[in-house]
Amino acid sequence: MTRLPNGKAAYAARMQKARQAKPKTKNAVSTGFDEKTKIWFNGKMVRWQEATVHVMSHVIHYGSSVFEGFRCYNSANGPVIFRLKDHIDRLFDSAKIYRIDMPFTKAEIMQACIDVVKLNRLEACYLRPVAFRGYHSLGVDPRLCPTVVAIAALMWGKYLGPEALKAGVDVRVASWNRMRPNTFPSMAKAASNYMPSQLVKLEAKIDHYVEGIMLDSNGYVSEGSGENIFLLYRGKLYTPPLTASILPGITRDCTITMARELGCEVIEANVPREMLYISDEVFFTGSAAEITPIRSIDRITIGNGACGPLTGRLQDRFFAIVEGRAEDVYGWLTPVH
C-alpha cells in the first residue's frame, strides 16, 4: 500500500510543483510580480524580498487592511499616474471608515507612489498602496496595533484578458450577493470586503466564465467581483447607485464624465437583473479592467456579441487621454518626471 506523505513532505511537494510551473520570463503574466523592483515600506525603499510582516500580525487574522489599485501609463509625455489624488483620497476615506490611523499624510503617500515608479525606472505599471494593522496583539480590538503602509508596483496587463477590450468577456450572475447595508461598509476598499468577491470569481472560473456580476441584497444589479458596471438601454446609459452597495469607482466616475461629454444621458438607478439581458451594450469599468465590454451574460448574447459603438467611443476617449494623444482637460494625470 502506498504510504501518504506527512504534512511537511506534502507541502514541499506542492511548492516544488509550483516552482516548476512558474513562468521563467521576466514580469510573468500569471502574477505581474517583478521581484527585482523595490517596494516603499513604511517610509523606506526596500528590496521585494524584505517587504514582510509577522504571521501574528492583526491583518492576517482579521483582514484589517485597506488598499488602492491604479495604473501608471506610458504616455506620449512619459509615465503618468491615473487619478493619483482621487485614489489616495479614497484610501484615506477607507482607513477613516475602518478607524485605521494613517501614519503618513496624503502628500507623503502620493509622493511615495511617484517615487516607486521613478526609482524602479518603470514606464508603465499597476500601483498597489496598502495600509494594514500590524504586529502587536491578537485580540479583535485593534487599537494597540501599529499601522503599516506599503506601496508596490506590478506589471499587470489587461485584467480580464488581452482580447477582452475588443472581443468582450463572458460573465454570469453570481449566486453570491453583495453585502447588505450596515453589515460591511461597501464604500471602503477593504481587504475583508473582497472575500465574497473571491467566491464570485472562483464560481465564475469553475463554470468557464471570465467574471461574475453580484446583485445587491434587494436583488438589483450591484457590481462585478472587482468592477463597476454600465448598461446601454434604449439610448440611455444606466449604472447602479451607491445605495446598491457598490464601491464608488474612480474609473466609473470618469466614464460618467466622458459619456455625458459625448452627449449620452447617464442615469444612476436601481437596475433589475433582467435588464442586463436586453440591453444593447453592457461593460465593466475599473482601474484594472479599464473599460471592458461584456459580450454575454448567463450565455445570453449582449448586443452584437462584441464591443458596442458607445463602449468603443468611451474606450477611444479614455485611452487617448491616458496615452497622451488627447489633452488631459480633466486633470486626471500626474506626471512622474
Protein backbone atom coordinates (compact mmCIF):
# COMPACT_ATOMS: atom_id res chain seq x y z
CA MET A 1 0.00 0.00 0.00
CA THR A 2 1.31 3.46 -0.90
CA ARG A 3 2.16 5.50 2.13
CA LEU A 4 0.77 9.02 2.19
CA PRO A 5 3.36 11.77 2.71
CA ASN A 6 3.33 13.63 6.00
CA GLY A 7 2.36 17.30 6.19
CA LYS A 8 5.86 18.69 5.61
CA ALA A 9 6.56 16.39 2.68
CA ALA A 10 3.21 17.20 1.07
CA TYR A 11 3.86 20.92 1.46
CA ALA A 12 7.34 20.59 -0.04
CA ALA A 13 5.93 18.63 -2.98
CA ARG A 14 3.32 21.32 -3.65
CA MET A 15 5.94 24.07 -3.50
CA GLN A 16 8.23 22.16 -5.88
CA LYS A 17 5.36 21.70 -8.33
CA ALA A 18 4.52 25.43 -8.13
CA ARG A 19 8.15 26.39 -8.80
CA GLN A 20 8.29 24.12 -11.83
CA ALA A 21 5.04 25.58 -13.20
CA LYS A 22 6.07 29.20 -12.66
CA PRO A 23 6.89 31.01 -15.92
CA LYS A 24 10.56 31.89 -16.17
CA THR A 25 10.07 35.04 -18.24
CA LYS A 26 10.55 38.44 -16.65
CA ASN A 27 7.38 40.04 -15.21
CA ALA A 28 5.45 36.79 -15.52
CA VAL A 29 1.91 37.43 -16.74
CA SER A 30 0.49 34.95 -14.23
CA THR A 31 1.33 37.17 -11.24
CA GLY A 32 2.54 40.52 -12.52
CA PHE A 33 5.31 40.39 -9.90
CA ASP A 34 8.75 41.69 -10.76
CA GLU A 35 10.81 40.72 -7.72
CA LYS A 36 13.71 42.90 -8.87
CA THR A 37 11.74 46.05 -8.10
CA LYS A 38 11.74 47.82 -4.76
CA ILE A 39 8.75 48.44 -2.52
CA TRP A 40 8.05 51.54 -0.47
CA PHE A 41 7.60 50.09 3.02
CA ASN A 42 6.75 52.38 5.95
CA GLY A 43 8.77 55.26 4.57
CA LYS A 44 11.75 53.33 3.18
CA MET A 45 12.52 51.71 -0.15
CA VAL A 46 13.29 48.04 0.46
CA ARG A 47 14.04 45.01 -1.68
CA TRP A 48 10.97 43.00 -2.73
CA GLN A 49 12.01 40.07 -0.52
CA GLU A 50 12.37 42.32 2.55
CA ALA A 51 8.82 43.71 2.50
CA THR A 52 7.46 41.20 5.00
CA VAL A 53 5.16 41.06 8.04
CA HIS A 54 4.93 38.73 11.02
CA VAL A 55 2.44 35.86 10.80
CA MET A 56 0.81 37.06 14.03
CA SER A 57 0.05 40.49 12.60
CA HIS A 58 -3.53 41.63 13.11
CA VAL A 59 -4.18 41.89 9.37
CA ILE A 60 -3.51 38.21 8.76
CA HIS A 61 -6.04 37.05 11.33
CA TYR A 62 -8.78 39.65 10.83
CA GLY A 63 -8.32 41.10 7.35
CA SER A 64 -7.76 44.58 8.78
CA SER A 65 -6.38 46.37 5.74
CA VAL A 66 -7.47 48.93 3.17
CA PHE A 67 -5.89 49.36 -0.23
CA GLU A 68 -5.97 51.01 -3.63
CA GLY A 69 -5.04 49.95 -7.14
CA PHE A 70 -4.39 52.22 -10.10
CA ARG A 71 -2.31 52.37 -13.25
CA CYS A 72 0.68 54.30 -14.42
CA TYR A 73 0.50 54.67 -18.20
CA ASN A 74 3.33 55.08 -20.69
CA SER A 75 2.04 58.21 -22.39
CA ALA A 76 3.49 60.31 -25.19
CA ASN A 77 4.66 62.68 -22.44
CA GLY A 78 6.33 59.98 -20.33
CA PRO A 79 4.93 57.92 -17.42
CA VAL A 80 1.72 59.34 -15.93
CA ILE A 81 -0.25 58.09 -12.94
CA PHE A 82 -4.02 57.94 -13.42
CA ARG A 83 -6.06 59.95 -10.90
CA LEU A 84 -3.47 59.63 -8.16
CA LYS A 85 -5.04 62.14 -5.78
CA ASP A 86 -8.50 60.62 -6.07
CA HIS A 87 -7.19 57.14 -5.30
CA ILE A 88 -5.23 58.32 -2.27
CA ASP A 89 -8.26 60.30 -1.06
CA ARG A 90 -10.27 57.07 -1.24
CA LEU A 91 -7.52 55.17 0.57
CA PHE A 92 -7.74 57.63 3.45
CA ASP A 93 -11.55 57.52 3.37
CA SER A 94 -11.43 53.73 3.66
CA ALA A 95 -8.99 53.98 6.57
CA LYS A 96 -11.25 56.52 8.30
CA ILE A 97 -14.30 54.29 7.91
CA TYR A 98 -12.43 51.35 9.48
CA ARG A 99 -10.72 53.63 12.05
CA ILE A 100 -7.23 52.77 10.85
CA ASP A 101 -4.87 55.56 11.87
CA MET A 102 -2.66 56.64 8.97
CA PRO A 103 0.95 57.41 10.00
CA PHE A 104 1.66 59.35 6.79
CA THR A 105 -0.01 62.31 5.12
CA LYS A 106 -1.78 62.14 1.77
CA ALA A 107 1.03 64.20 0.23
CA GLU A 108 3.64 61.73 1.51
CA ILE A 109 1.77 58.74 0.11
CA MET A 110 1.26 60.44 -3.25
CA GLN A 111 4.97 61.27 -3.47
CA ALA A 112 5.84 57.71 -2.47
CA CYS A 113 3.75 56.38 -5.39
CA ILE A 114 5.66 58.64 -7.76
CA ASP A 115 8.96 57.54 -6.20
CA VAL A 116 8.15 53.84 -6.64
CA VAL A 117 7.67 54.36 -10.37
CA LYS A 118 10.69 56.64 -10.70
CA LEU A 119 13.17 54.61 -8.60
CA ASN A 120 12.25 51.37 -10.38
CA ARG A 121 12.57 53.12 -13.75
CA LEU A 122 9.16 51.95 -14.87
CA GLU A 123 7.32 53.30 -17.88
CA ALA A 124 4.01 51.59 -17.09
CA CYS A 125 2.77 49.58 -14.12
CA TYR A 126 -0.08 48.95 -11.71
CA LEU A 127 0.41 50.54 -8.28
CA ARG A 128 -0.88 48.92 -5.10
CA PRO A 129 -0.79 51.02 -1.89
CA VAL A 130 -1.98 49.12 1.17
CA ALA A 131 -2.40 50.16 4.81
CA PHE A 132 -2.85 47.43 7.41
CA ARG A 133 -2.79 46.74 11.12
CA GLY A 134 0.50 45.12 12.05
CA TYR A 135 2.07 43.11 14.85
CA HIS A 136 1.18 43.76 18.48
CA SER A 137 -1.73 41.76 19.92
CA LEU A 138 -4.08 39.05 18.72
CA GLY A 139 -7.43 40.22 20.07
CA VAL A 140 -10.12 41.65 17.83
CA ASP A 141 -9.56 45.05 19.49
CA PRO A 142 -7.01 46.62 17.11
CA ARG A 143 -6.19 49.85 18.93
CA LEU A 144 -2.65 48.93 20.01
CA CYS A 145 -1.64 47.50 16.62
CA PRO A 146 0.55 49.82 14.54
CA THR A 147 -0.47 50.78 11.02
CA VAL A 148 1.92 49.64 8.31
CA VAL A 149 1.81 51.21 4.85
CA ALA A 150 3.39 49.75 1.71
CA ILE A 151 3.35 50.59 -1.99
CA ALA A 152 4.36 48.11 -4.69
CA ALA A 153 4.39 48.19 -8.48
CA LEU A 154 3.04 45.26 -10.52
CA MET A 155 3.41 44.55 -14.22
CA TRP A 156 -0.26 43.80 -14.90
CA GLY A 157 -1.54 43.52 -18.42
CA LYS A 158 -5.23 43.63 -19.34
CA TYR A 159 -7.05 42.44 -16.23
CA LEU A 160 -9.76 40.39 -17.95
CA GLY A 161 -7.56 39.11 -20.77
CA PRO A 162 -5.60 40.56 -23.72
CA GLU A 163 -8.53 40.25 -26.15
CA ALA A 164 -11.18 41.49 -23.74
CA LEU A 165 -11.19 45.17 -24.75
CA LYS A 166 -12.41 44.38 -28.26
CA ALA A 167 -13.92 40.91 -28.13
CA GLY A 168 -15.68 41.33 -24.79
CA VAL A 169 -16.00 38.79 -21.98
CA ASP A 170 -18.50 36.11 -20.99
CA VAL A 171 -19.90 36.57 -17.48
CA ARG A 172 -22.58 35.13 -15.24
CA VAL A 173 -24.81 36.45 -12.48
CA ALA A 174 -23.25 35.15 -9.29
CA SER A 175 -25.03 33.10 -6.66
CA TRP A 176 -23.33 35.32 -4.05
CA ASN A 177 -24.83 38.75 -3.31
CA ARG A 178 -23.14 42.00 -2.43
CA MET A 179 -23.27 42.82 1.28
CA ARG A 180 -26.43 44.24 2.83
CA PRO A 181 -26.22 47.84 4.13
CA ASN A 182 -25.00 48.13 7.71
CA THR A 183 -23.20 44.79 7.55
CA PHE A 184 -19.97 45.78 5.78
CA PRO A 185 -19.19 49.35 4.67
CA SER A 186 -19.27 48.98 0.89
CA MET A 187 -17.80 52.44 0.29
CA ALA A 188 -14.50 51.28 1.83
CA LYS A 189 -11.99 49.45 -0.34
CA ALA A 190 -11.03 46.95 2.35
CA ALA A 191 -9.46 43.51 2.08
CA SER A 192 -12.26 41.92 4.11
CA ASN A 193 -14.83 43.15 1.60
CA TYR A 194 -13.14 41.08 -1.11
CA MET A 195 -13.73 37.67 0.46
CA PRO A 196 -17.17 37.43 -1.24
CA SER A 197 -15.52 38.72 -4.43
CA GLN A 198 -13.16 35.75 -4.34
CA LEU A 199 -16.12 33.39 -4.14
CA VAL A 200 -17.73 35.16 -7.12
CA LYS A 201 -14.54 34.94 -9.17
CA LEU A 202 -13.92 31.29 -8.31
CA GLU A 203 -17.52 30.36 -9.10
CA ALA A 204 -17.30 32.10 -12.47
CA LYS A 205 -14.00 30.47 -13.41
CA ILE A 206 -15.16 26.99 -12.41
CA ASP A 207 -18.19 27.42 -14.68
CA HIS A 208 -15.99 28.69 -17.56
CA TYR A 209 -16.91 32.36 -17.33
CA VAL A 210 -14.43 35.22 -17.08
CA GLU A 211 -16.23 37.14 -14.35
CA GLY A 212 -19.36 37.28 -12.20
CA ILE A 213 -21.93 40.00 -11.52
CA MET A 214 -23.26 40.37 -7.99
CA LEU A 215 -26.76 41.51 -7.12
CA ASP A 216 -27.41 43.59 -4.01
CA SER A 217 -29.45 42.42 -1.02
CA ASN A 218 -32.66 43.55 -2.77
CA GLY A 219 -31.93 41.64 -5.96
CA TYR A 220 -30.81 44.62 -8.05
CA VAL A 221 -27.58 44.67 -10.05
CA SER A 222 -24.61 45.81 -7.96
CA GLU A 223 -21.14 45.19 -9.46
CA GLY A 224 -18.59 42.60 -10.56
CA SER A 225 -16.07 40.96 -8.26
CA GLY A 226 -13.82 43.99 -8.73
CA GLU A 227 -15.51 46.25 -11.28
CA ASN A 228 -18.42 48.64 -11.65
CA ILE A 229 -20.97 48.00 -14.40
CA PHE A 230 -22.81 50.08 -17.03
CA LEU A 231 -25.73 49.23 -19.35
CA LEU A 232 -26.84 50.99 -22.52
CA TYR A 233 -30.61 50.54 -22.71
CA ARG A 234 -32.78 52.33 -25.29
CA GLY A 235 -30.24 55.07 -25.84
CA LYS A 236 -29.57 55.84 -22.17
CA LEU A 237 -26.63 54.70 -20.06
CA TYR A 238 -27.53 53.19 -16.69
CA THR A 239 -25.28 52.35 -13.74
CA PRO A 240 -26.19 51.19 -10.20
CA PRO A 241 -26.18 53.91 -7.50
CA LEU A 242 -24.11 53.94 -4.30
CA THR A 243 -27.17 52.55 -2.47
CA ALA A 244 -26.74 49.28 -4.41
CA SER A 245 -23.71 48.53 -2.19
CA ILE A 246 -21.18 49.42 -4.87
CA LEU A 247 -17.67 50.74 -4.39
CA PRO A 248 -17.62 54.36 -5.63
CA GLY A 249 -15.34 53.62 -8.57
CA ILE A 250 -12.97 56.24 -9.89
CA THR A 251 -12.99 54.87 -13.44
CA ARG A 252 -16.79 54.76 -13.04
CA ASP A 253 -16.69 58.50 -12.38
CA CYS A 254 -14.51 59.02 -15.47
CA THR A 255 -16.95 57.03 -17.58
CA ILE A 256 -19.92 59.11 -16.43
CA THR A 257 -17.99 62.28 -17.28
CA MET A 258 -16.93 61.06 -20.73
CA ALA A 259 -20.38 59.68 -21.60
CA ARG A 260 -22.04 63.00 -20.82
CA GLU A 261 -19.35 64.74 -22.85
CA LEU A 262 -20.37 62.51 -25.78
CA GLY A 263 -23.99 63.61 -25.34
CA CYS A 264 -25.26 60.41 -23.70
CA GLU A 265 -27.72 60.66 -20.82
CA VAL A 266 -26.39 58.83 -17.74
CA ILE A 267 -28.82 57.55 -15.12
CA GLU A 268 -27.79 56.24 -11.70
CA ALA A 269 -30.67 53.99 -10.68
CA ASN A 270 -31.56 50.50 -9.47
CA VAL A 271 -31.11 48.02 -12.30
CA PRO A 272 -33.21 44.81 -12.36
CA ARG A 273 -31.35 41.66 -13.32
CA GLU A 274 -33.38 41.06 -16.49
CA MET A 275 -32.37 44.46 -17.82
CA LEU A 276 -28.86 43.05 -18.28
CA TYR A 277 -30.08 40.58 -20.89
CA ILE A 278 -31.99 43.06 -23.05
CA SER A 279 -29.50 45.93 -23.03
CA ASP A 280 -27.76 46.95 -26.24
CA GLU A 281 -24.36 47.18 -24.53
CA VAL A 282 -23.01 46.21 -21.12
CA PHE A 283 -19.48 46.89 -19.90
CA PHE A 284 -17.28 46.83 -16.81
CA THR A 285 -15.16 49.72 -15.57
CA GLY A 286 -12.29 49.73 -13.11
CA SER A 287 -8.68 50.77 -12.63
CA ALA A 288 -7.55 47.27 -13.56
CA ALA A 289 -10.37 46.40 -16.01
CA GLU A 290 -10.37 49.91 -17.57
CA ILE A 291 -13.43 49.80 -19.90
CA THR A 292 -14.16 46.17 -20.83
CA PRO A 293 -17.23 45.14 -22.88
CA ILE A 294 -19.39 42.20 -21.84
CA ARG A 295 -20.43 40.02 -24.78
CA SER A 296 -22.69 37.57 -22.95
CA ILE A 297 -24.37 37.17 -19.58
CA ASP A 298 -25.60 33.74 -18.47
CA ARG A 299 -24.96 32.58 -22.08
CA ILE A 300 -27.29 35.29 -23.44
CA THR A 301 -25.58 37.40 -26.12
CA ILE A 302 -25.49 41.13 -25.42
CA GLY A 303 -25.96 43.35 -28.48
CA ASN A 304 -23.79 42.11 -31.32
CA GLY A 305 -21.67 39.97 -29.00
CA ALA A 306 -18.62 42.24 -29.11
CA CYS A 307 -17.56 45.77 -28.19
CA GLY A 308 -20.54 48.05 -28.90
CA PRO A 309 -20.34 51.52 -30.54
CA LEU A 310 -20.71 53.56 -27.32
CA THR A 311 -18.31 51.31 -25.40
CA GLY A 312 -15.80 51.71 -28.23
CA ARG A 313 -16.11 55.50 -28.22
CA LEU A 314 -15.61 55.61 -24.45
CA GLN A 315 -12.55 53.36 -24.77
CA ASP A 316 -11.10 55.56 -27.52
CA ARG A 317 -11.60 58.72 -25.46
CA PHE A 318 -10.19 57.12 -22.30
CA PHE A 319 -7.04 55.74 -23.91
CA ALA A 320 -6.47 58.91 -25.92
CA ILE A 321 -6.24 60.84 -22.64
CA VAL A 322 -4.10 58.38 -20.66
CA GLU A 323 -1.75 57.77 -23.59
CA GLY A 324 -1.24 61.48 -24.20
CA ARG A 325 -2.95 61.58 -27.62
CA ALA A 326 -5.62 63.97 -26.30
CA GLU A 327 -5.40 66.87 -23.88
CA ASP A 328 -5.98 65.97 -20.23
CA VAL A 329 -8.72 68.56 -19.80
CA TYR A 330 -9.90 66.98 -16.53
CA GLY A 331 -6.55 66.92 -14.74
CA TRP A 332 -6.64 63.14 -14.35
CA LEU A 333 -2.93 62.51 -14.91
CA THR A 334 0.06 63.05 -12.63
CA PRO A 335 3.42 63.13 -14.48
CA VAL A 336 6.12 61.00 -12.87
CA HIS A 337 9.04 63.05 -14.22
